[in-house]
């Protein structure tokens, strides 16, 4: 199981995304970023930074 905490990528937000794969965590995280934080475009460097915060639980 993989996990990404929104707070770990710099937001004052308690959301946590959990999924079986890193790809699914990124998909769900992008949806959360879009709907909750208004982020529509994430460049490759930002995505790499977010990937580095995904943990195996």
PDB file of N, CA and C in Angstrom:
ATOM      1  N   UNK A   1       0.850  -1.166   0.000  1.00  0.00           N
ATOM      2  CA  UNK A   1       0.000   0.000   0.000  1.00  0.00           C
ATOM      3  C   UNK A   1       0.903   1.239   0.000  1.00  0.00           C
ATOM      4  N   UNK A   2       0.521   2.224  -0.790  1.00  0.00           N
ATOM      5  CA  UNK A   2       1.249   3.485  -0.897  1.00  0.00           C
ATOM      6  C   UNK A   2       0.408   4.600  -0.283  1.00  0.00           C
ATOM      7  N   UNK A   3       1.097   5.630   0.217  1.00  0.00           N
ATOM      8  CA  UNK A   3       0.389   6.728   0.888  1.00  0.00           C
ATOM      9  C   UNK A   3       1.077   8.050   0.577  1.00  0.00           C
ATOM     10  N   UNK A   4       0.258   9.082   0.398  1.00  0.00           N
ATOM     11  CA  UNK A   4       0.749  10.448   0.213  1.00  0.00           C
ATOM     12  C   UNK A   4      -0.084  11.369   1.085  1.00  0.00           C
ATOM     13  N   UNK A   5       0.584  12.125   1.927  1.00  0.00           N
ATOM     14  CA  UNK A   5      -0.079  13.107   2.791  1.00  0.00           C
ATOM     15  C   UNK A   5       0.060  14.486   2.151  1.00  0.00           C
ATOM     16  N   UNK A   6      -1.045  15.152   1.988  1.00  0.00           N
ATOM     17  CA  UNK A   6      -1.047  16.472   1.370  1.00  0.00           C
ATOM     18  C   UNK A   6      -0.112  17.419   2.131  1.00  0.00           C
ATOM     19  N   UNK A   7      -0.135  17.338   3.424  1.00  0.00           N
ATOM     20  CA  UNK A   7       0.711  18.188   4.268  1.00  0.00           C
ATOM     21  C   UNK A   7       2.196  17.998   3.937  1.00  0.00           C
ATOM     22  N   UNK A   8       2.587  16.778   3.552  1.00  0.00           N
ATOM     23  CA  UNK A   8       3.986  16.489   3.239  1.00  0.00           C
ATOM     24  C   UNK A   8       4.474  17.202   1.981  1.00  0.00           C
ATOM     25  N   UNK A   9       3.553  17.631   1.132  1.00  0.00           N
ATOM     26  CA  UNK A   9       3.956  18.355  -0.079  1.00  0.00           C
ATOM     27  C   UNK A   9       3.730  19.856   0.056  1.00  0.00           C
ATOM     28  N   UNK A  10       3.473  20.300   1.289  1.00  0.00           N
ATOM     29  CA  UNK A  10       3.490  21.731   1.553  1.00  0.00           C
ATOM     30  C   UNK A  10       2.154  22.418   1.775  1.00  0.00           C
ATOM     31  N   UNK A  11       1.077  21.671   1.788  1.00  0.00           N
ATOM     32  CA  UNK A  11      -0.228  22.294   2.013  1.00  0.00           C
ATOM     33  C   UNK A  11      -0.650  22.143   3.466  1.00  0.00           C
ATOM     34  N   UNK A  12      -1.399  23.116   3.961  1.00  0.00           N
ATOM     35  CA  UNK A  12      -1.991  23.043   5.288  1.00  0.00           C
ATOM     36  C   UNK A  12      -3.303  22.280   5.138  1.00  0.00           C
ATOM     37  N   UNK A  13      -3.173  20.978   4.944  1.00  0.00           N
ATOM     38  CA  UNK A  13      -4.314  20.134   4.582  1.00  0.00           C
ATOM     39  C   UNK A  13      -4.076  18.746   5.168  1.00  0.00           C
ATOM     40  N   UNK A  14      -5.100  18.170   5.766  1.00  0.00           N
ATOM     41  CA  UNK A  14      -4.977  16.864   6.403  1.00  0.00           C
ATOM     42  C   UNK A  14      -5.336  15.691   5.493  1.00  0.00           C
ATOM     43  N   UNK A  15      -5.551  15.950   4.211  1.00  0.00           N
ATOM     44  CA  UNK A  15      -5.922  14.870   3.289  1.00  0.00           C
ATOM     45  C   UNK A  15      -4.790  13.853   3.165  1.00  0.00           C
ATOM     46  N   UNK A  16      -5.184  12.596   3.040  1.00  0.00           N
ATOM     47  CA  UNK A  16      -4.244  11.492   2.839  1.00  0.00           C
ATOM     48  C   UNK A  16      -4.792  10.640   1.700  1.00  0.00           C
ATOM     49  N   UNK A  17      -3.943  10.339   0.731  1.00  0.00           N
ATOM     50  CA  UNK A  17      -4.323   9.478  -0.383  1.00  0.00           C
ATOM     51  C   UNK A  17      -3.613   8.148  -0.194  1.00  0.00           C
ATOM     52  N   UNK A  18      -4.378   7.063  -0.285  1.00  0.00           N
ATOM     53  CA  UNK A  18      -3.813   5.716  -0.176  1.00  0.00           C
ATOM     54  C   UNK A  18      -4.304   4.891  -1.353  1.00  0.00           C
ATOM     55  N   UNK A  19      -3.386   4.105  -1.899  1.00  0.00           N
ATOM     56  CA  UNK A  19      -3.741   3.222  -3.012  1.00  0.00           C
ATOM     57  C   UNK A  19      -2.692   2.122  -3.103  1.00  0.00           C
ATOM     58  N   UNK A  20      -2.978   1.129  -3.920  1.00  0.00           N
ATOM     59  CA  UNK A  20      -2.066  -0.005  -4.079  1.00  0.00           C
ATOM     60  C   UNK A  20      -0.807   0.364  -4.854  1.00  0.00           C
ATOM     61  N   UNK A  21      -0.917   1.289  -5.797  1.00  0.00           N
ATOM     62  CA  UNK A  21       0.231   1.624  -6.638  1.00  0.00           C
ATOM     63  C   UNK A  21       0.558   3.107  -6.548  1.00  0.00           C
ATOM     64  N   UNK A  22       1.807   3.429  -6.857  1.00  0.00           N
ATOM     65  CA  UNK A  22       2.241   4.823  -6.897  1.00  0.00           C
ATOM     66  C   UNK A  22       1.469   5.599  -7.963  1.00  0.00           C
ATOM     67  N   UNK A  23       1.211   4.972  -9.093  1.00  0.00           N
ATOM     68  CA  UNK A  23       0.481   5.619 -10.174  1.00  0.00           C
ATOM     69  C   UNK A  23      -0.921   6.026  -9.723  1.00  0.00           C
ATOM     70  N   UNK A  24      -1.586   5.141  -8.977  1.00  0.00           N
ATOM     71  CA  UNK A  24      -2.932   5.453  -8.492  1.00  0.00           C
ATOM     72  C   UNK A  24      -2.885   6.553  -7.440  1.00  0.00           C
ATOM     73  N   UNK A  25      -1.880   6.545  -6.591  1.00  0.00           N
ATOM     74  CA  UNK A  25      -1.722   7.631  -5.611  1.00  0.00           C
ATOM     75  C   UNK A  25      -1.560   8.957  -6.342  1.00  0.00           C
ATOM     76  N   UNK A  26      -0.722   8.972  -7.379  1.00  0.00           N
ATOM     77  CA  UNK A  26      -0.521  10.204  -8.142  1.00  0.00           C
ATOM     78  C   UNK A  26      -1.809  10.658  -8.823  1.00  0.00           C
ATOM     79  N   UNK A  27      -2.569   9.722  -9.364  1.00  0.00           N
ATOM     80  CA  UNK A  27      -3.829  10.078 -10.025  1.00  0.00           C
ATOM     81  C   UNK A  27      -4.802  10.694  -9.027  1.00  0.00           C
ATOM     82  N   UNK A  28      -4.964  10.023  -7.893  1.00  0.00           N
ATOM     83  CA  UNK A  28      -5.878  10.537  -6.864  1.00  0.00           C
ATOM     84  C   UNK A  28      -5.365  11.854  -6.278  1.00  0.00           C
ATOM     85  N   UNK A  29      -4.052  11.938  -6.101  1.00  0.00           N
ATOM     86  CA  UNK A  29      -3.462  13.171  -5.573  1.00  0.00           C
ATOM     87  C   UNK A  29      -3.666  14.340  -6.517  1.00  0.00           C
ATOM     88  N   UNK A  30      -3.531  14.101  -7.815  1.00  0.00           N
ATOM     89  CA  UNK A  30      -3.754  15.160  -8.800  1.00  0.00           C
ATOM     90  C   UNK A  30      -5.206  15.619  -8.784  1.00  0.00           C
ATOM     91  N   UNK A  31      -6.127  14.676  -8.649  1.00  0.00           N
ATOM     92  CA  UNK A  31      -7.546  15.034  -8.559  1.00  0.00           C
ATOM     93  C   UNK A  31      -7.809  15.871  -7.305  1.00  0.00           C
ATOM     94  N   UNK A  32      -7.234  15.478  -6.184  1.00  0.00           N
ATOM     95  CA  UNK A  32      -7.383  16.244  -4.943  1.00  0.00           C
ATOM     96  C   UNK A  32      -6.800  17.650  -5.114  1.00  0.00           C
ATOM     97  N   UNK A  33      -5.610  17.733  -5.705  1.00  0.00           N
ATOM     98  CA  UNK A  33      -4.963  19.038  -5.908  1.00  0.00           C
ATOM     99  C   UNK A  33      -5.834  19.936  -6.785  1.00  0.00           C
ATOM    100  N   UNK A  34      -6.451  19.364  -7.799  1.00  0.00           N
ATOM    101  CA  UNK A  34      -7.299  20.139  -8.701  1.00  0.00           C
ATOM    102  C   UNK A  34      -8.581  20.603  -8.013  1.00  0.00           C
ATOM    103  N   UNK A  35      -9.264  19.679  -7.365  1.00  0.00           N
ATOM    104  CA  UNK A  35     -10.577  20.022  -6.806  1.00  0.00           C
ATOM    105  C   UNK A  35     -10.496  20.797  -5.502  1.00  0.00           C
ATOM    106  N   UNK A  36      -9.483  20.531  -4.692  1.00  0.00           N
ATOM    107  CA  UNK A  36      -9.397  21.160  -3.379  1.00  0.00           C
ATOM    108  C   UNK A  36      -8.510  22.398  -3.377  1.00  0.00           C
ATOM    109  N   UNK A  37      -7.404  22.338  -4.122  1.00  0.00           N
ATOM    110  CA  UNK A  37      -6.422  23.420  -4.057  1.00  0.00           C
ATOM    111  C   UNK A  37      -6.352  24.254  -5.335  1.00  0.00           C
ATOM    112  N   UNK A  38      -7.149  23.893  -6.334  1.00  0.00           N
ATOM    113  CA  UNK A  38      -7.209  24.673  -7.559  1.00  0.00           C
ATOM    114  C   UNK A  38      -5.993  24.547  -8.469  1.00  0.00           C
ATOM    115  N   UNK A  39      -5.182  23.515  -8.268  1.00  0.00           N
ATOM    116  CA  UNK A  39      -4.003  23.312  -9.111  1.00  0.00           C
ATOM    117  C   UNK A  39      -4.404  22.547 -10.362  1.00  0.00           C
ATOM    118  N   UNK A  40      -4.111  23.125 -11.510  1.00  0.00           N
ATOM    119  CA  UNK A  40      -4.514  22.466 -12.751  1.00  0.00           C
ATOM    120  C   UNK A  40      -3.337  21.937 -13.549  1.00  0.00           C
ATOM    121  N   UNK A  41      -2.176  22.557 -13.439  1.00  0.00           N
ATOM    122  CA  UNK A  41      -1.009  22.112 -14.201  1.00  0.00           C
ATOM    123  C   UNK A  41       0.156  21.872 -13.267  1.00  0.00           C
ATOM    124  N   UNK A  42       0.672  20.658 -13.282  1.00  0.00           N
ATOM    125  CA  UNK A  42       1.846  20.326 -12.481  1.00  0.00           C
ATOM    126  C   UNK A  42       2.976  19.980 -13.433  1.00  0.00           C
ATOM    127  N   UNK A  43       4.085  20.716 -13.333  1.00  0.00           N
ATOM    128  CA  UNK A  43       5.210  20.429 -14.221  1.00  0.00           C
ATOM    129  C   UNK A  43       5.943  19.174 -13.748  1.00  0.00           C
ATOM    130  N   UNK A  44       6.839  18.696 -14.583  1.00  0.00           N
ATOM    131  CA  UNK A  44       7.538  17.431 -14.317  1.00  0.00           C
ATOM    132  C   UNK A  44       8.342  17.485 -13.021  1.00  0.00           C
ATOM    133  N   UNK A  45       8.973  18.609 -12.730  1.00  0.00           N
ATOM    134  CA  UNK A  45       9.752  18.728 -11.497  1.00  0.00           C
ATOM    135  C   UNK A  45       8.854  18.648 -10.262  1.00  0.00           C
ATOM    136  N   UNK A  46       7.679  19.250 -10.343  1.00  0.00           N
ATOM    137  CA  UNK A  46       6.735  19.197  -9.223  1.00  0.00           C
ATOM    138  C   UNK A  46       6.261  17.766  -9.003  1.00  0.00           C
ATOM    139  N   UNK A  47       5.947  17.078 -10.076  1.00  0.00           N
ATOM    140  CA  UNK A  47       5.501  15.684  -9.978  1.00  0.00           C
ATOM    141  C   UNK A  47       6.611  14.827  -9.355  1.00  0.00           C
ATOM    142  N   UNK A  48       7.859  15.042  -9.759  1.00  0.00           N
ATOM    143  CA  UNK A  48       8.970  14.284  -9.172  1.00  0.00           C
ATOM    144  C   UNK A  48       9.076  14.550  -7.675  1.00  0.00           C
ATOM    145  N   UNK A  49       8.902  15.805  -7.278  1.00  0.00           N
ATOM    146  CA  UNK A  49       8.940  16.143  -5.860  1.00  0.00           C
ATOM    147  C   UNK A  49       7.826  15.467  -5.087  1.00  0.00           C
ATOM    148  N   UNK A  50       6.643  15.428  -5.683  1.00  0.00           N
ATOM    149  CA  UNK A  50       5.507  14.766  -5.045  1.00  0.00           C
ATOM    150  C   UNK A  50       5.770  13.266  -4.945  1.00  0.00           C
ATOM    151  N   UNK A  51       6.296  12.677  -6.013  1.00  0.00           N
ATOM    152  CA  UNK A  51       6.603  11.244  -5.993  1.00  0.00           C
ATOM    153  C   UNK A  51       7.559  10.898  -4.854  1.00  0.00           C
ATOM    154  N   UNK A  52       8.491  11.787  -4.568  1.00  0.00           N
ATOM    155  CA  UNK A  52       9.472  11.505  -3.518  1.00  0.00           C
ATOM    156  C   UNK A  52       8.825  11.476  -2.138  1.00  0.00           C
ATOM    157  N   UNK A  53       7.611  12.006  -2.004  1.00  0.00           N
ATOM    158  CA  UNK A  53       6.911  12.032  -0.716  1.00  0.00           C
ATOM    159  C   UNK A  53       5.980  10.834  -0.519  1.00  0.00           C
ATOM    160  N   UNK A  54       5.816  10.010  -1.556  1.00  0.00           N
ATOM    161  CA  UNK A  54       4.960   8.829  -1.433  1.00  0.00           C
ATOM    162  C   UNK A  54       5.690   7.785  -0.595  1.00  0.00           C
ATOM    163  N   UNK A  55       4.966   7.270   0.404  1.00  0.00           N
ATOM    164  CA  UNK A  55       5.549   6.276   1.308  1.00  0.00           C
ATOM    165  C   UNK A  55       4.854   4.936   1.136  1.00  0.00           C
ATOM    166  N   UNK A  56       5.586   3.891   1.415  1.00  0.00           N
ATOM    167  CA  UNK A  56       5.001   2.549   1.484  1.00  0.00           C
ATOM    168  C   UNK A  56       4.585   2.308   2.917  1.00  0.00           C
ATOM    169  N   UNK A  57       3.329   1.897   3.093  1.00  0.00           N
ATOM    170  CA  UNK A  57       2.835   1.643   4.453  1.00  0.00           C
ATOM    171  C   UNK A  57       2.453   0.185   4.601  1.00  0.00           C
TER     172      UNK A  57
END
